[in-house]
């Protein structure tokens, strides 16, 4: 009887563990873009592939449009383990304590798509990744969303046009310097708050890629768009390092494959979506679109090159020159 009671007790103790083992691993994937933006599409594809490749051992919950966390909150939530996957702009890593990522916001640094993507896969990025890992944030991939354009409530043709404007920026020291050198007043603001801020005049303009301007409907509350290609929007697909390292190998390996395929999909989709978005914005008739001429672009570069010099004290001249070489940027232009 005693042996039987011990056997029953052991069975009862093991039962919850067995039941828990059968439960899928939940991955909460939070991001700030809409479901029909390139990031949203890639997030949905990752969910589909992750659940398929793990045979249901993983369930991915995708939270679009800042529905779970705003961009100011999500990295802290990731570090605390409240969410397992994010795809923030790499401009968000400066406030996290890894200031080196701010360097990618230097104006006109990365205008060549192929060179930019090559750099994201370089040993240099591997070194930067280690700095993020020390913060508990593990980069799994980089998603390249192309170059920025400006929208505003007045034409932005020459650098002096920015004077006195309240310009929404992300929390990057470089972006702050860019706005100030243009004569604008930088306003750090969460992505989810930008539409209302533009609509009510809290800010006068912002910069982003065309697909975000379209899907967030910024073009409805702005009168002008300048195709300047002055900056680059790169997302880092990141996870909580402790969470990822603790996954069983038979789960982590298929998830890594899902990461790779969704990254390839993102890079293919983003370029097309941005081109299509720009055409749709033009066709709406709500915004007057201006493409910088080569002469106008040179004037913008000349105005903003002092930011590169200023940031040598933040990053070091040698590090900036390494980035120039990797990205194909020629500062004499």
Protein backbone atom coordinates (compact mmCIF):
# COMPACT_ATOMS: atom_id res chain seq x y z
CA UNK A 1 0.00 0.00 0.00
CA UNK A 2 2.84 2.38 0.93
CA UNK A 3 4.56 1.75 -2.43
CA UNK A 4 1.29 2.37 -4.23
CA UNK A 5 0.74 5.67 -2.39
CA UNK A 6 4.30 6.79 -3.21
CA UNK A 7 3.77 5.89 -6.85
CA UNK A 8 0.54 7.90 -6.95
CA UNK A 9 2.21 10.88 -5.30
CA UNK A 10 5.05 10.78 -7.82
CA UNK A 11 2.56 10.57 -10.66
CA UNK A 12 0.67 13.59 -9.34
CA UNK A 13 3.89 15.55 -9.01
CA UNK A 14 4.93 14.69 -12.55
CA UNK A 15 1.54 15.30 -14.11
CA UNK A 16 1.75 19.12 -14.11
CA UNK A 17 5.24 18.98 -15.62
CA UNK A 18 4.09 16.60 -18.33
CA UNK A 19 1.12 18.81 -19.07
CA UNK A 20 3.35 21.87 -19.18
CA UNK A 21 5.75 20.11 -21.53
CA UNK A 22 2.91 19.65 -23.98
CA UNK A 23 2.05 23.34 -23.96
CA UNK A 24 3.50 25.36 -26.87
CA UNK A 25 6.21 27.90 -26.19
CA UNK A 26 4.66 31.35 -26.52
CA UNK A 27 6.65 34.00 -28.40
CA UNK A 28 5.19 37.49 -28.18
CA UNK A 29 6.36 39.54 -31.16
CA UNK A 30 5.71 43.25 -30.63
CA UNK A 31 6.37 45.98 -33.18
CA UNK A 32 5.21 49.51 -33.97
CA UNK A 33 4.38 49.29 -37.70
CA UNK A 34 1.09 48.32 -39.31
CA UNK A 35 0.30 44.79 -40.41
CA UNK A 36 0.49 45.78 -44.08
CA UNK A 37 3.89 47.51 -43.81
CA UNK A 38 6.96 45.41 -44.75
CA UNK A 39 7.71 44.81 -41.06
CA UNK A 40 4.16 43.65 -40.39
CA UNK A 41 4.18 41.32 -43.38
CA UNK A 42 7.52 39.81 -42.34
CA UNK A 43 6.31 39.37 -38.76
CA UNK A 44 3.25 37.49 -40.00
CA UNK A 45 5.43 35.30 -42.19
CA UNK A 46 7.75 34.54 -39.27
CA UNK A 47 4.73 33.44 -37.22
CA UNK A 48 3.57 31.14 -40.00
CA UNK A 49 7.01 29.60 -40.56
CA UNK A 50 7.90 29.31 -36.87
CA UNK A 51 4.73 27.42 -36.04
CA UNK A 52 5.09 25.23 -39.12
CA UNK A 53 8.78 24.37 -38.72
CA UNK A 54 8.46 23.58 -34.99
CA UNK A 55 5.41 21.39 -35.59
CA UNK A 56 3.34 23.43 -33.20
CA UNK A 57 5.90 23.48 -30.38
CA UNK A 58 5.92 27.26 -30.69
CA UNK A 59 3.02 29.67 -30.89
CA UNK A 60 3.78 33.20 -32.06
CA UNK A 61 1.54 36.09 -31.04
CA UNK A 62 2.15 39.12 -33.26
CA UNK A 63 1.18 42.53 -31.90
CA UNK A 64 1.14 45.14 -34.67
CA UNK A 65 0.93 48.94 -34.47
CA UNK A 66 2.23 49.40 -30.90
CA UNK A 67 -0.78 47.43 -29.61
CA UNK A 68 1.36 45.79 -26.90
CA UNK A 69 4.24 48.24 -26.30
CA UNK A 70 5.25 51.61 -27.70
CA UNK A 71 8.73 51.92 -29.11
CA UNK A 72 9.99 53.68 -25.97
CA UNK A 73 8.84 50.77 -23.80
CA UNK A 74 9.45 47.65 -25.86
CA UNK A 75 13.20 47.21 -25.33
CA UNK A 76 12.79 47.37 -21.58
CA UNK A 77 9.97 44.83 -21.85
CA UNK A 78 12.27 42.56 -23.87
CA UNK A 79 15.05 42.81 -21.28
CA UNK A 80 12.56 41.92 -18.54
CA UNK A 81 11.24 38.95 -20.53
CA UNK A 82 7.72 40.34 -20.90
CA UNK A 83 8.06 40.02 -24.70
CA UNK A 84 10.31 37.69 -26.66
CA UNK A 85 10.74 39.29 -30.08
CA UNK A 86 10.99 42.85 -31.41
CA UNK A 87 12.05 44.55 -34.63
CA UNK A 88 13.01 48.10 -33.56
CA UNK A 89 14.93 50.61 -35.61
CA UNK A 90 18.62 50.39 -34.71
CA UNK A 91 18.37 54.07 -33.76
CA UNK A 92 16.70 52.82 -30.56
CA UNK A 93 19.88 51.18 -29.27
CA UNK A 94 21.64 54.42 -28.31
CA UNK A 95 19.35 55.05 -25.31
CA UNK A 96 19.83 51.38 -24.39
CA UNK A 97 23.49 52.17 -23.78
CA UNK A 98 25.01 51.00 -27.06
CA UNK A 99 25.78 54.35 -28.63
CA UNK A 100 27.73 52.84 -31.55
CA UNK A 101 24.48 52.09 -33.38
CA UNK A 102 23.80 55.82 -33.64
CA UNK A 103 26.57 56.05 -36.20
CA UNK A 104 24.28 54.57 -38.86
CA UNK A 105 22.16 57.73 -38.63
CA UNK A 106 24.95 59.87 -40.10
CA UNK A 107 23.34 61.73 -43.03
CA UNK A 108 23.81 60.23 -46.50
CA UNK A 109 26.01 57.47 -45.05
CA UNK A 110 24.24 54.50 -46.60
CA UNK A 111 22.54 55.23 -49.89
CA UNK A 112 23.67 52.04 -51.61
CA UNK A 113 21.35 49.12 -50.81
CA UNK A 114 23.82 46.35 -51.64
CA UNK A 115 26.67 47.89 -49.64
CA UNK A 116 24.40 48.53 -46.66
CA UNK A 117 23.21 44.92 -46.53
CA UNK A 118 26.76 43.69 -46.96
CA UNK A 119 27.82 45.75 -43.97
CA UNK A 120 25.03 44.35 -41.77
CA UNK A 121 26.50 40.89 -42.36
CA UNK A 122 30.10 41.99 -41.73
CA UNK A 123 32.39 41.13 -38.77
CA UNK A 124 32.03 44.75 -37.69
CA UNK A 125 28.34 44.16 -36.95
CA UNK A 126 29.22 40.96 -35.08
CA UNK A 127 31.30 43.07 -32.69
CA UNK A 128 28.42 45.50 -32.18
CA UNK A 129 26.05 42.59 -31.60
CA UNK A 130 28.17 41.52 -28.63
CA UNK A 131 27.57 44.92 -27.03
CA UNK A 132 23.82 44.34 -27.32
CA UNK A 133 24.14 40.83 -25.94
CA UNK A 134 25.79 42.30 -22.84
CA UNK A 135 22.48 44.15 -22.35
CA UNK A 136 20.52 40.90 -22.65
CA UNK A 137 19.41 41.70 -26.21
CA UNK A 138 20.35 39.19 -28.92
CA UNK A 139 20.20 40.32 -32.58
CA UNK A 140 18.96 37.54 -34.85
CA UNK A 141 18.92 39.47 -38.15
CA UNK A 142 18.83 42.94 -39.69
CA UNK A 143 15.92 44.02 -41.86
CA UNK A 144 16.78 46.76 -44.37
CA UNK A 145 13.85 49.06 -45.12
CA UNK A 146 15.60 51.43 -47.50
CA UNK A 147 16.12 55.18 -47.39
CA UNK A 148 14.23 58.01 -45.71
CA UNK A 149 12.30 60.85 -47.25
CA UNK A 150 10.98 63.96 -45.49
CA UNK A 151 7.37 65.07 -45.14
CA UNK A 152 6.42 68.55 -43.94
CA UNK A 153 3.76 71.22 -43.97
CA UNK A 154 5.95 73.36 -46.25
CA UNK A 155 8.32 72.58 -49.17
CA UNK A 156 11.78 71.34 -48.18
CA UNK A 157 14.02 72.09 -51.14
CA UNK A 158 17.10 73.75 -49.66
CA UNK A 159 18.55 73.29 -46.15
CA UNK A 160 17.38 76.73 -45.02
CA UNK A 161 13.77 75.55 -45.47
CA UNK A 162 14.10 73.60 -42.20
CA UNK A 163 14.72 76.68 -40.07
CA UNK A 164 12.34 76.91 -37.12
CA UNK A 165 10.51 73.67 -37.96
CA UNK A 166 9.50 71.29 -35.17
CA UNK A 167 10.82 68.01 -36.52
CA UNK A 168 9.94 64.60 -35.10
CA UNK A 169 13.01 62.41 -34.62
CA UNK A 170 13.90 59.10 -33.00
CA UNK A 171 16.02 59.15 -29.84
CA UNK A 172 19.43 59.29 -31.52
CA UNK A 173 22.16 61.83 -30.75
CA UNK A 174 23.07 61.90 -34.44
CA UNK A 175 19.51 62.60 -35.54
CA UNK A 176 19.32 65.37 -32.94
CA UNK A 177 22.48 66.92 -34.41
CA UNK A 178 21.12 66.60 -37.96
CA UNK A 179 17.92 68.44 -37.05
CA UNK A 180 19.80 71.20 -35.24
CA UNK A 181 22.31 71.68 -38.07
CA UNK A 182 19.37 72.13 -40.43
CA UNK A 183 17.99 74.79 -38.10
CA UNK A 184 15.04 72.63 -37.01
CA UNK A 185 13.84 71.95 -33.46
CA UNK A 186 14.11 68.19 -32.79
CA UNK A 187 11.19 66.51 -31.03
CA UNK A 188 11.71 62.93 -29.81
CA UNK A 189 8.41 61.13 -30.12
CA UNK A 190 7.07 57.58 -30.17
CA UNK A 191 6.12 56.33 -33.62
CA UNK A 192 2.53 55.68 -32.53
CA UNK A 193 2.12 59.36 -31.61
CA UNK A 194 3.39 60.87 -34.86
CA UNK A 195 0.13 60.98 -36.85
CA UNK A 196 -1.74 62.95 -34.20
CA UNK A 197 1.26 65.22 -33.64
CA UNK A 198 1.38 66.04 -37.36
CA UNK A 199 -2.37 66.49 -37.51
CA UNK A 200 -2.50 68.90 -34.57
CA UNK A 201 0.67 70.81 -35.40
CA UNK A 202 2.65 69.59 -32.39
CA UNK A 203 5.33 68.86 -34.99
CA UNK A 204 5.68 70.27 -38.49
CA UNK A 205 7.38 67.34 -40.19
CA UNK A 206 9.10 63.98 -39.94
CA UNK A 207 11.22 61.58 -41.96
CA UNK A 208 10.52 57.97 -42.76
CA UNK A 209 10.35 55.44 -45.57
CA UNK A 210 7.43 55.75 -48.01
CA UNK A 211 5.78 52.47 -46.91
CA UNK A 212 5.45 53.76 -43.34
CA UNK A 213 4.25 57.16 -44.54
CA UNK A 214 1.55 55.40 -46.54
CA UNK A 215 0.44 52.75 -44.04
CA UNK A 216 0.44 55.21 -41.11
CA UNK A 217 -1.39 57.77 -43.30
CA UNK A 218 1.10 60.56 -42.55
CA UNK A 219 0.56 61.82 -46.09
CA UNK A 220 -3.01 62.75 -45.14
CA UNK A 221 -1.78 65.36 -42.65
CA UNK A 222 1.25 66.68 -44.54
CA UNK A 223 1.32 68.80 -47.69
CA UNK A 224 4.81 68.16 -49.03
CA UNK A 225 7.19 65.23 -49.44
CA UNK A 226 10.86 65.52 -50.43
CA UNK A 227 12.62 62.46 -51.83
CA UNK A 228 15.98 63.11 -50.20
CA UNK A 229 17.26 59.60 -49.39
CA UNK A 230 19.29 61.21 -46.61
CA UNK A 231 19.11 58.39 -44.08
CA UNK A 232 18.40 54.69 -43.82
CA UNK A 233 15.81 52.76 -41.83
CA UNK A 234 17.18 49.48 -40.56
CA UNK A 235 15.39 47.21 -38.13
CA UNK A 236 17.09 44.67 -35.88
CA UNK A 237 15.13 41.50 -35.24
CA UNK A 238 16.04 40.95 -31.60
CA UNK A 239 15.15 38.53 -28.84
CA UNK A 240 15.82 38.14 -25.15
CA UNK A 241 19.20 36.38 -24.98
CA UNK A 242 18.34 34.29 -21.94
CA UNK A 243 15.09 33.17 -23.56
CA UNK A 244 16.77 32.22 -26.84
CA UNK A 245 19.68 30.41 -25.21
CA UNK A 246 17.24 28.45 -23.06
CA UNK A 247 15.27 27.05 -26.00
CA UNK A 248 15.67 23.34 -26.81
CA UNK A 249 17.83 22.78 -29.88
CA UNK A 250 14.94 21.13 -31.73
CA UNK A 251 13.04 24.42 -31.33
CA UNK A 252 15.87 26.93 -31.76
CA UNK A 253 17.12 25.49 -35.06
CA UNK A 254 13.78 25.67 -36.91
CA UNK A 255 13.19 29.14 -35.47
CA UNK A 256 16.55 30.23 -36.89
CA UNK A 257 15.39 28.96 -40.29
CA UNK A 258 12.17 30.95 -39.93
CA UNK A 259 14.29 34.03 -39.10
CA UNK A 260 16.38 33.56 -42.23
CA UNK A 261 13.43 33.12 -44.56
CA UNK A 262 11.45 36.03 -43.10
CA UNK A 263 14.57 38.22 -43.41
CA UNK A 264 14.98 37.32 -47.09
CA UNK A 265 11.28 38.04 -47.58
CA UNK A 266 11.57 41.41 -45.83
CA UNK A 267 14.49 42.60 -47.95
CA UNK A 268 12.69 41.58 -51.14
CA UNK A 269 9.40 43.10 -50.08
CA UNK A 270 10.61 46.41 -48.62
CA UNK A 271 12.14 47.79 -51.83
CA UNK A 272 9.00 47.05 -53.85
CA UNK A 273 6.61 48.28 -51.16
CA UNK A 274 8.48 51.57 -50.78
CA UNK A 275 8.46 52.20 -54.53
CA UNK A 276 4.76 51.33 -54.73
CA UNK A 277 3.98 53.47 -51.67
CA UNK A 278 5.61 56.53 -53.18
CA UNK A 279 3.51 56.14 -56.32
CA UNK A 280 0.32 55.73 -54.27
CA UNK A 281 1.14 58.84 -52.25
CA UNK A 282 1.66 60.80 -55.47
CA UNK A 283 -1.58 59.44 -56.91
CA UNK A 284 -3.54 60.49 -53.79
CA UNK A 285 -3.15 64.14 -54.79
CA UNK A 286 -2.81 65.07 -51.12
CA UNK A 287 0.94 65.69 -51.19
CA UNK A 288 3.22 67.59 -53.50
CA UNK A 289 6.29 65.42 -54.15
CA UNK A 290 9.71 66.84 -54.96
CA UNK A 291 12.79 64.77 -55.85
CA UNK A 292 16.06 66.49 -54.99
CA UNK A 293 18.13 67.34 -58.05
CA UNK A 294 21.84 66.38 -57.93
CA UNK A 295 22.70 70.03 -57.24
CA UNK A 296 20.16 70.29 -54.42
CA UNK A 297 21.41 67.04 -52.91
CA UNK A 298 24.98 68.35 -52.90
CA UNK A 299 23.80 71.42 -51.00
CA UNK A 300 22.18 69.15 -48.37
CA UNK A 301 25.36 67.06 -48.08
CA UNK A 302 27.50 70.16 -47.68
CA UNK A 303 25.18 71.47 -44.98
CA UNK A 304 25.21 68.19 -43.04
CA UNK A 305 28.84 67.08 -43.35
CA UNK A 306 29.70 69.01 -40.15
CA UNK A 307 27.58 66.43 -38.30
CA UNK A 308 30.06 63.76 -39.40
CA UNK A 309 32.93 65.84 -38.03
CA UNK A 310 31.07 66.62 -34.82
CA UNK A 311 30.41 62.93 -34.18
CA UNK A 312 34.10 62.03 -34.28
CA UNK A 313 34.21 62.98 -30.61
CA UNK A 314 31.36 60.55 -29.89
CA UNK A 315 32.49 57.56 -31.92
CA UNK A 316 36.16 58.16 -32.70
CA UNK A 317 37.58 59.12 -36.09
CA UNK A 318 38.93 55.62 -36.77
CA UNK A 319 35.56 53.97 -36.17
CA UNK A 320 33.80 56.45 -38.46
CA UNK A 321 36.37 55.81 -41.20
CA UNK A 322 35.77 52.06 -40.85
CA UNK A 323 32.06 52.69 -41.38
CA UNK A 324 32.81 54.87 -44.40
CA UNK A 325 34.82 52.05 -45.97
CA UNK A 326 32.22 49.38 -45.19
CA UNK A 327 29.30 51.47 -46.46
CA UNK A 328 31.03 52.90 -49.53
CA UNK A 329 30.53 56.50 -48.40
CA UNK A 330 32.96 59.09 -49.76
CA UNK A 331 33.04 62.10 -47.43
CA UNK A 332 34.53 64.37 -50.09
CA UNK A 333 31.31 64.26 -52.12
